Amino acid sequence: MSLEEIKSRVASAEQDSGRPVGAVTLIAVSKVQPNERVAQVLEQGHRIFGENKVQEAAGKWPDFSARFQGLDLHLIGPLQTNKARQAMQLFNAIHSVDRPKLAKTLARLAQEIGACPDLFIQVNTGEEEQKAGVLPNEADGFVAECRALDLPVKGLMCIPPVDEESSLHFALLAKIATRNGLDGLSMGMSGDFEKAISLGATHIRVGSAIFGERGS
């Protein structure tokens, strides 16, 4: 699969869903990909990338940003509070706001720095013990808490359980977003992004389908 093929599939999914072309932001998930592969995608003109870890991003993107203009970096993995300042300086958006302590840290730093990346609240739609995110029945309260801290909450994010039908989780996330007046839906990956688009995704996170499998 290539970047152009994925873009074509995204455009088809937008059209099939009756959504305007360009309604969906394609985040190329570059975590643990070799720099040569990332450079190839950059050279094709793509500028929106997702990373899982602050450390890895810090070692990779300053060099790329010196060579390529207009990068739009998204943190899609869990964020430790002690890495929050670095994350806010590196990323344009953080998709994994998942607990009050982190929200309060981001709010404090935003006041100090005078700016804040776009934020997405991670919802643990499958209520999986090992997974980060607020539980669905706690999401409304956490959205309100983040807004009270004057944080720029743009939407919600989820990672459905691997052994369940992802559409059910996408529909649940969309429902929570709608009742909270949130437009952003970060959902859908290489295997299910078309389903996510049909259910309202605004941001999809595609890695292996663009870059190939790790180590291949």
N, C-alpha and C. Protein backbone atom coordinates (compact mmCIF):
# COMPACT_ATOMS: atom_id res chain seq x y z
N MET A 1 0.86 -1.19 0.00
CA MET A 1 0.00 0.00 0.00
C MET A 1 0.89 1.24 0.00
N SER A 2 0.44 2.29 -0.66
CA SER A 2 1.22 3.52 -0.71
C SER A 2 0.40 4.66 -0.15
N LEU A 3 1.07 5.78 0.08
CA LEU A 3 0.39 6.97 0.58
C LEU A 3 -0.73 7.39 -0.37
N GLU A 4 -0.44 7.37 -1.67
CA GLU A 4 -1.45 7.79 -2.65
C GLU A 4 -2.67 6.86 -2.63
N GLU A 5 -2.43 5.56 -2.47
CA GLU A 5 -3.55 4.61 -2.40
C GLU A 5 -4.42 4.87 -1.17
N ILE A 6 -3.78 5.15 -0.04
CA ILE A 6 -4.52 5.43 1.19
C ILE A 6 -5.33 6.72 1.01
N LYS A 7 -4.72 7.74 0.43
CA LYS A 7 -5.43 9.00 0.21
C LYS A 7 -6.65 8.79 -0.70
N SER A 8 -6.48 7.94 -1.69
CA SER A 8 -7.58 7.63 -2.60
C SER A 8 -8.71 6.92 -1.87
N ARG A 9 -8.35 5.97 -1.00
CA ARG A 9 -9.36 5.25 -0.22
C ARG A 9 -10.08 6.19 0.76
N VAL A 10 -9.33 7.13 1.33
CA VAL A 10 -9.95 8.11 2.23
C VAL A 10 -10.96 8.96 1.46
N ALA A 11 -10.57 9.43 0.29
CA ALA A 11 -11.46 10.27 -0.52
C ALA A 11 -12.72 9.49 -0.91
N SER A 12 -12.55 8.21 -1.26
CA SER A 12 -13.72 7.37 -1.62
C SER A 12 -14.65 7.19 -0.42
N ALA A 13 -14.04 6.97 0.75
CA ALA A 13 -14.85 6.78 1.96
C ALA A 13 -15.60 8.06 2.33
N GLU A 14 -14.94 9.21 2.14
CA GLU A 14 -15.62 10.50 2.39
C GLU A 14 -16.82 10.63 1.46
N GLN A 15 -16.60 10.33 0.20
CA GLN A 15 -17.66 10.45 -0.80
C GLN A 15 -18.82 9.49 -0.49
N ASP A 16 -18.48 8.24 -0.18
CA ASP A 16 -19.51 7.23 0.13
C ASP A 16 -20.34 7.62 1.34
N SER A 17 -19.72 8.38 2.25
CA SER A 17 -20.42 8.78 3.48
C SER A 17 -21.14 10.11 3.32
N GLY A 18 -21.06 10.68 2.13
CA GLY A 18 -21.71 11.97 1.89
C GLY A 18 -21.02 13.11 2.60
N ARG A 19 -19.72 12.95 2.84
CA ARG A 19 -18.96 13.99 3.53
C ARG A 19 -18.08 14.73 2.53
N PRO A 20 -17.78 16.00 2.80
CA PRO A 20 -16.98 16.75 1.83
C PRO A 20 -15.56 16.18 1.72
N VAL A 21 -14.99 16.29 0.54
CA VAL A 21 -13.60 15.87 0.35
C VAL A 21 -12.72 16.73 1.24
N GLY A 22 -11.79 16.08 1.94
CA GLY A 22 -10.91 16.82 2.85
C GLY A 22 -11.46 16.94 4.25
N ALA A 23 -12.60 16.30 4.52
CA ALA A 23 -13.18 16.36 5.87
C ALA A 23 -12.35 15.59 6.89
N VAL A 24 -11.55 14.64 6.38
CA VAL A 24 -10.79 13.76 7.27
C VAL A 24 -9.31 14.05 7.18
N THR A 25 -8.68 14.20 8.34
CA THR A 25 -7.24 14.43 8.42
C THR A 25 -6.53 13.08 8.53
N LEU A 26 -5.63 12.82 7.61
CA LEU A 26 -4.86 11.57 7.61
C LEU A 26 -3.57 11.77 8.39
N ILE A 27 -3.48 11.10 9.54
CA ILE A 27 -2.26 11.15 10.35
C ILE A 27 -1.42 9.92 10.01
N ALA A 28 -0.25 10.15 9.44
CA ALA A 28 0.67 9.04 9.13
C ALA A 28 1.43 8.69 10.40
N VAL A 29 1.17 7.50 10.92
CA VAL A 29 1.77 7.11 12.21
C VAL A 29 3.19 6.60 11.97
N SER A 30 4.13 7.45 12.35
CA SER A 30 5.54 7.20 12.03
C SER A 30 6.32 6.59 13.19
N LYS A 31 5.63 6.24 14.28
CA LYS A 31 6.33 5.65 15.44
C LYS A 31 7.11 4.41 15.01
N VAL A 32 8.30 4.28 15.54
CA VAL A 32 9.24 3.17 15.31
C VAL A 32 9.52 2.88 13.83
N GLN A 33 9.17 3.79 12.95
CA GLN A 33 9.52 3.60 11.54
C GLN A 33 10.93 4.16 11.30
N PRO A 34 11.71 3.50 10.43
CA PRO A 34 13.03 4.03 10.12
C PRO A 34 12.92 5.42 9.48
N ASN A 35 13.89 6.26 9.77
CA ASN A 35 13.86 7.63 9.25
C ASN A 35 13.77 7.69 7.74
N GLU A 36 14.36 6.69 7.04
CA GLU A 36 14.32 6.72 5.57
C GLU A 36 12.88 6.62 5.08
N ARG A 37 12.08 5.78 5.73
CA ARG A 37 10.68 5.63 5.31
C ARG A 37 9.89 6.91 5.59
N VAL A 38 10.17 7.52 6.73
CA VAL A 38 9.48 8.77 7.07
C VAL A 38 9.86 9.85 6.05
N ALA A 39 11.14 9.91 5.71
CA ALA A 39 11.60 10.90 4.74
C ALA A 39 10.92 10.70 3.38
N GLN A 40 10.71 9.45 3.00
CA GLN A 40 10.04 9.18 1.71
C GLN A 40 8.63 9.75 1.69
N VAL A 41 7.92 9.59 2.81
CA VAL A 41 6.54 10.12 2.89
C VAL A 41 6.57 11.65 2.92
N LEU A 42 7.53 12.22 3.61
CA LEU A 42 7.69 13.68 3.62
C LEU A 42 7.96 14.21 2.22
N GLU A 43 8.80 13.48 1.50
CA GLU A 43 9.15 13.91 0.15
C GLU A 43 7.97 13.85 -0.82
N GLN A 44 6.97 13.03 -0.47
CA GLN A 44 5.74 12.98 -1.28
C GLN A 44 4.77 14.11 -0.91
N GLY A 45 5.18 14.95 0.03
CA GLY A 45 4.38 16.12 0.36
C GLY A 45 3.50 16.00 1.60
N HIS A 46 3.50 14.82 2.23
CA HIS A 46 2.65 14.66 3.43
C HIS A 46 3.33 15.34 4.61
N ARG A 47 2.54 16.00 5.46
CA ARG A 47 3.12 16.77 6.57
C ARG A 47 2.50 16.45 7.93
N ILE A 48 1.52 15.54 7.97
CA ILE A 48 0.81 15.29 9.23
C ILE A 48 1.21 13.90 9.75
N PHE A 49 1.85 13.88 10.90
CA PHE A 49 2.41 12.62 11.42
C PHE A 49 2.02 12.41 12.88
N GLY A 50 1.97 11.13 13.26
CA GLY A 50 1.64 10.76 14.64
C GLY A 50 2.77 9.97 15.28
N GLU A 51 3.05 10.29 16.53
CA GLU A 51 4.07 9.58 17.30
C GLU A 51 3.48 9.11 18.61
N ASN A 52 4.00 7.99 19.11
CA ASN A 52 3.50 7.43 20.37
C ASN A 52 4.26 7.93 21.59
N LYS A 53 5.54 8.25 21.39
CA LYS A 53 6.38 8.59 22.54
C LYS A 53 7.07 9.93 22.34
N VAL A 54 7.07 10.72 23.40
CA VAL A 54 7.69 12.05 23.35
C VAL A 54 9.18 11.91 23.05
N GLN A 55 9.85 10.96 23.73
CA GLN A 55 11.30 10.79 23.56
C GLN A 55 11.65 10.51 22.11
N GLU A 56 10.93 9.57 21.51
CA GLU A 56 11.21 9.19 20.12
C GLU A 56 11.00 10.37 19.18
N ALA A 57 9.91 11.11 19.41
CA ALA A 57 9.62 12.27 18.58
C ALA A 57 10.71 13.34 18.71
N ALA A 58 11.18 13.52 19.94
CA ALA A 58 12.22 14.54 20.19
C ALA A 58 13.52 14.21 19.48
N GLY A 59 13.77 12.92 19.30
CA GLY A 59 14.99 12.50 18.61
C GLY A 59 14.89 12.52 17.10
N LYS A 60 13.66 12.62 16.59
CA LYS A 60 13.43 12.47 15.16
C LYS A 60 13.04 13.76 14.46
N TRP A 61 12.11 14.51 15.06
CA TRP A 61 11.44 15.58 14.31
C TRP A 61 12.18 16.91 14.22
N PRO A 62 13.02 17.30 15.18
CA PRO A 62 13.74 18.57 14.99
C PRO A 62 14.57 18.59 13.70
N ASP A 63 15.21 17.47 13.37
CA ASP A 63 15.99 17.41 12.12
C ASP A 63 15.08 17.51 10.91
N PHE A 64 13.96 16.78 10.94
CA PHE A 64 13.03 16.83 9.81
C PHE A 64 12.43 18.24 9.65
N SER A 65 12.15 18.90 10.78
CA SER A 65 11.51 20.22 10.68
C SER A 65 12.47 21.26 10.10
N ALA A 66 13.77 20.98 10.23
CA ALA A 66 14.75 21.87 9.60
C ALA A 66 14.76 21.70 8.08
N ARG A 67 14.33 20.52 7.61
CA ARG A 67 14.36 20.21 6.17
C ARG A 67 13.00 20.39 5.50
N PHE A 68 11.92 20.21 6.25
CA PHE A 68 10.58 20.23 5.67
C PHE A 68 9.70 21.24 6.41
N GLN A 69 9.08 22.12 5.66
CA GLN A 69 8.24 23.17 6.26
C GLN A 69 6.83 22.63 6.56
N GLY A 70 6.20 23.27 7.54
CA GLY A 70 4.77 23.03 7.77
C GLY A 70 4.41 21.71 8.39
N LEU A 71 5.28 21.15 9.24
CA LEU A 71 4.96 19.87 9.88
C LEU A 71 3.83 20.04 10.90
N ASP A 72 2.98 19.04 10.99
CA ASP A 72 1.85 19.03 11.91
C ASP A 72 1.94 17.70 12.68
N LEU A 73 2.45 17.78 13.91
CA LEU A 73 2.76 16.57 14.68
C LEU A 73 1.70 16.30 15.75
N HIS A 74 1.29 15.04 15.83
CA HIS A 74 0.25 14.62 16.77
C HIS A 74 0.79 13.55 17.70
N LEU A 75 0.64 13.76 19.00
CA LEU A 75 0.99 12.72 19.98
C LEU A 75 -0.23 11.83 20.15
N ILE A 76 -0.08 10.55 19.82
CA ILE A 76 -1.23 9.64 19.90
C ILE A 76 -1.05 8.57 20.97
N GLY A 77 0.09 8.57 21.64
CA GLY A 77 0.35 7.60 22.71
C GLY A 77 0.19 8.24 24.08
N PRO A 78 0.26 7.42 25.13
CA PRO A 78 0.07 7.94 26.49
C PRO A 78 1.12 8.98 26.86
N LEU A 79 0.69 9.95 27.65
CA LEU A 79 1.58 11.05 28.04
C LEU A 79 1.75 11.06 29.56
N GLN A 80 3.02 10.97 29.99
CA GLN A 80 3.33 11.11 31.42
C GLN A 80 3.38 12.60 31.75
N THR A 81 2.95 12.94 32.95
CA THR A 81 2.91 14.37 33.31
C THR A 81 4.31 14.99 33.26
N ASN A 82 5.36 14.21 33.58
CA ASN A 82 6.70 14.80 33.57
C ASN A 82 7.24 15.05 32.16
N LYS A 83 6.51 14.58 31.15
CA LYS A 83 6.89 14.84 29.75
C LYS A 83 5.94 15.87 29.10
N ALA A 84 5.03 16.40 29.90
CA ALA A 84 3.98 17.27 29.33
C ALA A 84 4.57 18.53 28.71
N ARG A 85 5.52 19.17 29.38
CA ARG A 85 6.10 20.41 28.84
C ARG A 85 6.76 20.15 27.48
N GLN A 86 7.55 19.09 27.43
CA GLN A 86 8.24 18.74 26.18
C GLN A 86 7.22 18.43 25.08
N ALA A 87 6.16 17.72 25.45
CA ALA A 87 5.12 17.37 24.48
C ALA A 87 4.44 18.63 23.93
N MET A 88 4.18 19.57 24.80
CA MET A 88 3.51 20.80 24.36
C MET A 88 4.38 21.62 23.41
N GLN A 89 5.68 21.49 23.57
CA GLN A 89 6.59 22.23 22.69
C GLN A 89 6.80 21.52 21.35
N LEU A 90 6.63 20.20 21.34
CA LEU A 90 6.88 19.40 20.13
C LEU A 90 5.65 19.23 19.24
N PHE A 91 4.48 19.10 19.87
CA PHE A 91 3.29 18.63 19.13
C PHE A 91 2.27 19.74 18.91
N ASN A 92 1.58 19.63 17.77
CA ASN A 92 0.47 20.52 17.46
C ASN A 92 -0.83 20.02 18.07
N ALA A 93 -0.90 18.72 18.36
CA ALA A 93 -2.10 18.14 18.96
C ALA A 93 -1.71 16.95 19.84
N ILE A 94 -2.46 16.77 20.92
CA ILE A 94 -2.27 15.64 21.83
C ILE A 94 -3.59 14.89 21.91
N HIS A 95 -3.57 13.60 21.55
CA HIS A 95 -4.81 12.83 21.43
C HIS A 95 -5.08 11.96 22.65
N SER A 96 -4.26 12.08 23.69
CA SER A 96 -4.33 11.09 24.77
C SER A 96 -4.48 11.72 26.16
N VAL A 97 -5.29 12.76 26.25
CA VAL A 97 -5.60 13.34 27.56
C VAL A 97 -6.59 12.40 28.24
N ASP A 98 -6.17 11.82 29.35
CA ASP A 98 -6.94 10.69 29.89
C ASP A 98 -7.15 10.69 31.40
N ARG A 99 -6.72 11.78 32.07
CA ARG A 99 -6.90 11.78 33.53
C ARG A 99 -6.79 13.22 34.06
N PRO A 100 -7.43 13.49 35.20
CA PRO A 100 -7.43 14.85 35.74
C PRO A 100 -6.04 15.41 36.02
N LYS A 101 -5.13 14.58 36.54
CA LYS A 101 -3.79 15.08 36.86
C LYS A 101 -3.10 15.64 35.61
N LEU A 102 -3.23 14.93 34.50
CA LEU A 102 -2.62 15.38 33.25
C LEU A 102 -3.30 16.66 32.77
N ALA A 103 -4.61 16.71 32.85
CA ALA A 103 -5.34 17.91 32.43
C ALA A 103 -4.89 19.13 33.22
N LYS A 104 -4.74 18.98 34.53
CA LYS A 104 -4.31 20.10 35.37
C LYS A 104 -2.89 20.53 35.03
N THR A 105 -2.03 19.55 34.74
CA THR A 105 -0.65 19.88 34.35
C THR A 105 -0.62 20.65 33.04
N LEU A 106 -1.39 20.20 32.07
CA LEU A 106 -1.45 20.88 30.77
C LEU A 106 -1.99 22.30 30.93
N ALA A 107 -3.00 22.46 31.78
CA ALA A 107 -3.58 23.79 32.00
C ALA A 107 -2.57 24.74 32.62
N ARG A 108 -1.83 24.23 33.59
CA ARG A 108 -0.81 25.07 34.25
C ARG A 108 0.27 25.49 33.25
N LEU A 109 0.73 24.52 32.46
CA LEU A 109 1.78 24.81 31.48
C LEU A 109 1.27 25.74 30.38
N ALA A 110 0.01 25.58 29.99
CA ALA A 110 -0.57 26.45 28.96
C ALA A 110 -0.57 27.91 29.43
N GLN A 111 -0.89 28.11 30.69
CA GLN A 111 -0.85 29.46 31.25
C GLN A 111 0.57 30.02 31.24
N GLU A 112 1.51 29.15 31.59
CA GLU A 112 2.91 29.56 31.67
C GLU A 112 3.50 29.86 30.29
N ILE A 113 3.20 28.97 29.33
CA ILE A 113 3.78 29.08 27.99
C ILE A 113 3.01 30.10 27.14
N GLY A 114 1.70 30.20 27.41
CA GLY A 114 0.87 31.12 26.64
C GLY A 114 0.29 30.49 25.39
N ALA A 115 0.36 29.16 25.31
CA ALA A 115 -0.20 28.43 24.16
C ALA A 115 -0.44 26.99 24.58
N CYS A 116 -1.28 26.31 23.80
CA CYS A 116 -1.56 24.90 24.10
C CYS A 116 -1.90 24.19 22.80
N PRO A 117 -1.38 22.97 22.61
CA PRO A 117 -1.78 22.19 21.43
C PRO A 117 -3.29 21.89 21.48
N ASP A 118 -3.86 21.53 20.34
CA ASP A 118 -5.23 21.01 20.32
C ASP A 118 -5.26 19.72 21.14
N LEU A 119 -6.32 19.52 21.90
CA LEU A 119 -6.40 18.36 22.78
C LEU A 119 -7.59 17.47 22.44
N PHE A 120 -7.35 16.16 22.50
CA PHE A 120 -8.40 15.16 22.36
C PHE A 120 -8.41 14.33 23.64
N ILE A 121 -9.59 14.07 24.15
CA ILE A 121 -9.73 13.24 25.34
C ILE A 121 -9.85 11.78 24.91
N GLN A 122 -9.00 10.93 25.50
CA GLN A 122 -9.05 9.50 25.16
C GLN A 122 -10.12 8.81 26.00
N VAL A 123 -11.02 8.13 25.29
CA VAL A 123 -12.10 7.39 25.96
C VAL A 123 -11.83 5.89 25.78
N ASN A 124 -11.85 5.18 26.89
CA ASN A 124 -11.63 3.73 26.89
C ASN A 124 -12.97 3.05 26.62
N THR A 125 -13.37 3.06 25.34
CA THR A 125 -14.72 2.60 24.98
C THR A 125 -14.95 1.12 25.29
N GLY A 126 -13.87 0.34 25.31
CA GLY A 126 -14.00 -1.08 25.62
C GLY A 126 -13.87 -1.39 27.09
N GLU A 127 -13.65 -0.33 27.89
CA GLU A 127 -13.47 -0.48 29.34
C GLU A 127 -12.44 -1.57 29.66
N GLU A 128 -11.33 -1.52 28.93
CA GLU A 128 -10.26 -2.51 29.13
C GLU A 128 -9.32 -2.04 30.23
N GLU A 129 -9.02 -2.95 31.14
CA GLU A 129 -8.21 -2.59 32.30
C GLU A 129 -6.81 -2.12 31.92
N GLN A 130 -6.25 -2.72 30.87
CA GLN A 130 -4.86 -2.41 30.53
C GLN A 130 -4.73 -1.16 29.66
N LYS A 131 -5.86 -0.57 29.28
CA LYS A 131 -5.83 0.54 28.33
C LYS A 131 -6.12 1.86 29.01
N ALA A 132 -5.44 2.90 28.54
CA ALA A 132 -5.66 4.25 29.08
C ALA A 132 -6.99 4.79 28.57
N GLY A 133 -7.41 5.88 29.18
CA GLY A 133 -8.63 6.56 28.74
C GLY A 133 -9.68 6.60 29.84
N VAL A 134 -10.53 7.61 29.77
CA VAL A 134 -11.63 7.71 30.73
C VAL A 134 -12.73 6.74 30.31
N LEU A 135 -13.45 6.22 31.27
CA LEU A 135 -14.54 5.31 30.96
C LEU A 135 -15.69 6.10 30.31
N PRO A 136 -16.48 5.45 29.45
CA PRO A 136 -17.55 6.17 28.77
C PRO A 136 -18.50 6.92 29.70
N ASN A 137 -18.81 6.31 30.86
CA ASN A 137 -19.76 6.98 31.76
C ASN A 137 -19.12 8.12 32.56
N GLU A 138 -17.80 8.29 32.42
CA GLU A 138 -17.10 9.40 33.08
C GLU A 138 -16.68 10.48 32.09
N ALA A 139 -16.94 10.23 30.80
CA ALA A 139 -16.43 11.14 29.77
C ALA A 139 -17.04 12.54 29.85
N ASP A 140 -18.36 12.62 30.06
CA ASP A 140 -19.01 13.94 30.11
C ASP A 140 -18.42 14.80 31.22
N GLY A 141 -18.23 14.18 32.39
CA GLY A 141 -17.68 14.91 33.53
C GLY A 141 -16.26 15.39 33.26
N PHE A 142 -15.47 14.54 32.58
CA PHE A 142 -14.07 14.90 32.32
C PHE A 142 -13.99 16.00 31.25
N VAL A 143 -14.86 15.93 30.26
CA VAL A 143 -14.91 17.01 29.26
C VAL A 143 -15.19 18.34 29.96
N ALA A 144 -16.17 18.33 30.86
CA ALA A 144 -16.54 19.55 31.60
C ALA A 144 -15.37 20.04 32.45
N GLU A 145 -14.67 19.09 33.08
CA GLU A 145 -13.51 19.45 33.92
C GLU A 145 -12.42 20.12 33.08
N CYS A 146 -12.15 19.56 31.90
CA CYS A 146 -11.11 20.13 31.03
C CYS A 146 -11.51 21.51 30.53
N ARG A 147 -12.79 21.67 30.20
CA ARG A 147 -13.27 22.98 29.75
C ARG A 147 -13.18 24.01 30.88
N ALA A 148 -13.45 23.58 32.10
CA ALA A 148 -13.35 24.49 33.24
C ALA A 148 -11.92 24.96 33.45
N LEU A 149 -10.96 24.15 33.01
CA LEU A 149 -9.54 24.52 33.09
C LEU A 149 -9.11 25.37 31.89
N ASP A 150 -10.07 25.68 31.02
CA ASP A 150 -9.82 26.50 29.82
C ASP A 150 -8.89 25.80 28.82
N LEU A 151 -8.99 24.48 28.78
CA LEU A 151 -8.18 23.71 27.83
C LEU A 151 -8.90 23.64 26.47
N PRO A 152 -8.13 23.68 25.37
CA PRO A 152 -8.73 23.63 24.03
C PRO A 152 -9.08 22.20 23.61
N VAL A 153 -10.18 21.68 24.15
CA VAL A 153 -10.60 20.32 23.83
C VAL A 153 -11.29 20.34 22.47
N LYS A 154 -10.69 19.66 21.50
CA LYS A 154 -11.22 19.65 20.13
C LYS A 154 -12.07 18.41 19.85
N GLY A 155 -11.84 17.35 20.62
CA GLY A 155 -12.59 16.14 20.34
C GLY A 155 -12.21 14.99 21.23
N LEU A 156 -12.59 13.79 20.79
CA LEU A 156 -12.36 12.56 21.54
C LEU A 156 -11.56 11.57 20.69
N MET A 157 -10.90 10.65 21.37
CA MET A 157 -10.11 9.62 20.69
C MET A 157 -10.42 8.27 21.32
N CYS A 158 -10.40 7.20 20.51
CA CYS A 158 -10.51 5.85 21.07
C CYS A 158 -9.68 4.86 20.27
N ILE A 159 -9.34 3.76 20.95
CA ILE A 159 -8.67 2.62 20.33
C ILE A 159 -9.52 1.40 20.70
N PRO A 160 -10.37 0.93 19.79
CA PRO A 160 -11.26 -0.18 20.13
C PRO A 160 -10.49 -1.46 20.48
N PRO A 161 -11.10 -2.35 21.27
CA PRO A 161 -10.48 -3.65 21.54
C PRO A 161 -10.25 -4.41 20.23
N VAL A 162 -9.13 -5.13 20.16
CA VAL A 162 -8.77 -5.80 18.90
C VAL A 162 -9.76 -6.90 18.52
N ASP A 163 -10.44 -7.47 19.51
CA ASP A 163 -11.30 -8.63 19.21
C ASP A 163 -12.79 -8.26 19.16
N GLU A 164 -13.09 -6.96 19.04
CA GLU A 164 -14.48 -6.54 18.96
C GLU A 164 -14.73 -5.74 17.69
N GLU A 165 -15.96 -5.68 17.26
CA GLU A 165 -16.33 -4.92 16.07
C GLU A 165 -16.10 -3.43 16.33
N SER A 166 -15.16 -2.85 15.59
CA SER A 166 -14.75 -1.47 15.87
C SER A 166 -15.88 -0.47 15.65
N SER A 167 -16.78 -0.77 14.72
CA SER A 167 -17.87 0.18 14.41
C SER A 167 -18.69 0.53 15.65
N LEU A 168 -18.89 -0.45 16.54
CA LEU A 168 -19.67 -0.19 17.76
C LEU A 168 -18.98 0.85 18.63
N HIS A 169 -17.66 0.77 18.67
CA HIS A 169 -16.89 1.71 19.49
C HIS A 169 -16.84 3.08 18.83
N PHE A 170 -16.73 3.11 17.52
CA PHE A 170 -16.74 4.40 16.81
C PHE A 170 -18.09 5.10 17.01
N ALA A 171 -19.17 4.33 16.93
CA ALA A 171 -20.51 4.91 17.11
C ALA A 171 -20.68 5.45 18.53
N LEU A 172 -20.15 4.72 19.51
CA LEU A 172 -20.23 5.18 20.91
C LEU A 172 -19.46 6.48 21.08
N LEU A 173 -18.24 6.54 20.54
CA LEU A 173 -17.42 7.74 20.66
C LEU A 173 -18.14 8.93 20.02
N ALA A 174 -18.72 8.71 18.84
CA ALA A 174 -19.43 9.79 18.14
C ALA A 174 -20.61 10.29 18.97
N LYS A 175 -21.30 9.38 19.62
CA LYS A 175 -22.45 9.75 20.45
C LYS A 175 -22.00 10.62 21.63
N ILE A 176 -20.92 10.22 22.28
CA ILE A 176 -20.41 11.00 23.42
C ILE A 176 -19.98 12.39 22.95
N ALA A 177 -19.30 12.44 21.79
CA ALA A 177 -18.84 13.73 21.25
C ALA A 177 -20.02 14.64 20.94
N THR A 178 -21.05 14.09 20.31
CA THR A 178 -22.21 14.89 19.92
C THR A 178 -22.88 15.52 21.14
N ARG A 179 -23.07 14.73 22.18
CA ARG A 179 -23.79 15.30 23.33
C ARG A 179 -22.94 16.30 24.11
N ASN A 180 -21.63 16.31 23.85
CA ASN A 180 -20.75 17.30 24.48
C ASN A 180 -20.37 18.44 23.54
N GLY A 181 -20.99 18.46 22.36
CA GLY A 181 -20.72 19.54 21.42
C GLY A 181 -19.31 19.56 20.88
N LEU A 182 -18.72 18.38 20.72
CA LEU A 182 -17.35 18.26 20.21
C LEU A 182 -17.37 17.76 18.77
N ASP A 183 -16.58 18.40 17.92
CA ASP A 183 -16.55 18.04 16.49
C ASP A 183 -15.50 16.99 16.16
N GLY A 184 -14.41 16.96 16.92
CA GLY A 184 -13.27 16.11 16.56
C GLY A 184 -13.46 14.67 17.00
N LEU A 185 -13.19 13.74 16.08
CA LEU A 185 -13.24 12.31 16.39
C LEU A 185 -11.98 11.66 15.83
N SER A 186 -11.05 11.33 16.72
CA SER A 186 -9.80 10.67 16.33
C SER A 186 -10.01 9.17 16.50
N MET A 187 -10.30 8.50 15.37
CA MET A 187 -10.60 7.07 15.45
C MET A 187 -10.43 6.44 14.07
N GLY A 188 -10.01 5.17 14.10
CA GLY A 188 -9.76 4.45 12.85
C GLY A 188 -8.27 4.34 12.57
N MET A 189 -7.85 3.10 12.26
CA MET A 189 -6.45 2.84 11.96
C MET A 189 -6.37 2.08 10.63
N SER A 190 -5.21 1.50 10.34
CA SER A 190 -4.99 0.89 9.02
C SER A 190 -6.09 -0.09 8.62
N GLY A 191 -6.58 -0.89 9.57
CA GLY A 191 -7.53 -1.94 9.23
C GLY A 191 -8.99 -1.54 9.19
N ASP A 192 -9.31 -0.34 9.73
CA ASP A 192 -10.74 -0.01 9.85
C ASP A 192 -11.05 1.46 9.61
N PHE A 193 -10.15 2.18 8.94
CA PHE A 193 -10.38 3.62 8.84
C PHE A 193 -11.60 3.98 7.99
N GLU A 194 -11.94 3.12 7.03
CA GLU A 194 -13.14 3.42 6.22
C GLU A 194 -14.41 3.36 7.07
N LYS A 195 -14.47 2.37 7.97
CA LYS A 195 -15.61 2.29 8.90
C LYS A 195 -15.66 3.55 9.76
N ALA A 196 -14.50 3.96 10.23
CA ALA A 196 -14.43 5.14 11.10
C ALA A 196 -14.92 6.39 10.36
N ILE A 197 -14.51 6.52 9.09
CA ILE A 197 -14.94 7.69 8.30
C ILE A 197 -16.46 7.68 8.13
N SER A 198 -17.03 6.49 7.91
CA SER A 198 -18.48 6.40 7.71
C SER A 198 -19.24 6.79 8.98
N LEU A 199 -18.56 6.71 10.13
CA LEU A 199 -19.19 7.04 11.41
C LEU A 199 -18.74 8.39 11.96
N GLY A 200 -18.07 9.18 11.10
CA GLY A 200 -17.79 10.57 11.48
C GLY A 200 -16.37 10.92 11.86
N ALA A 201 -15.42 10.00 11.69
CA ALA A 201 -14.03 10.32 12.05
C ALA A 201 -13.56 11.60 11.36
N THR A 202 -12.87 12.45 12.12
CA THR A 202 -12.24 13.64 11.54
C THR A 202 -10.73 13.44 11.42
N HIS A 203 -10.19 12.53 12.22
CA HIS A 203 -8.75 12.22 12.20
C HIS A 203 -8.59 10.70 12.22
N ILE A 204 -7.87 10.16 11.25
CA ILE A 204 -7.58 8.73 11.25
C ILE A 204 -6.08 8.54 11.39
N ARG A 205 -5.69 7.44 12.03
CA ARG A 205 -4.28 7.22 12.38
C ARG A 205 -3.80 5.97 11.64
N VAL A 206 -3.08 6.17 10.56
CA VAL A 206 -2.70 5.06 9.69
C VAL A 206 -1.18 4.92 9.64
N GLY A 207 -0.69 3.74 10.04
CA GLY A 207 0.75 3.51 10.07
C GLY A 207 1.21 2.50 9.06
N SER A 208 0.97 1.20 9.37
CA SER A 208 1.53 0.13 8.54
C SER A 208 1.04 0.18 7.10
N ALA A 209 -0.19 0.64 6.88
CA ALA A 209 -0.72 0.69 5.51
C ALA A 209 0.02 1.72 4.66
N ILE A 210 0.64 2.71 5.31
CA ILE A 210 1.43 3.71 4.56
C ILE A 210 2.90 3.29 4.50
N PHE A 211 3.45 2.92 5.66
CA PHE A 211 4.90 2.71 5.76
C PHE A 211 5.33 1.26 5.52
N GLY A 212 4.37 0.32 5.58
CA GLY A 212 4.74 -1.08 5.60
C GLY A 212 4.94 -1.55 7.03
N GLU A 213 4.95 -2.84 7.22
CA GLU A 213 5.14 -3.38 8.56
C GLU A 213 6.54 -3.08 9.05
N ARG A 214 6.65 -2.94 10.35
CA ARG A 214 7.97 -2.71 10.95
C ARG A 214 8.89 -3.89 10.62
N GLY A 215 10.08 -3.56 10.26
CA GLY A 215 11.07 -4.62 9.99
C GLY A 215 10.92 -5.30 8.64
N SER A 216 9.93 -4.86 7.84
CA SER A 216 9.77 -5.48 6.52
C SER A 216 10.54 -4.71 5.47
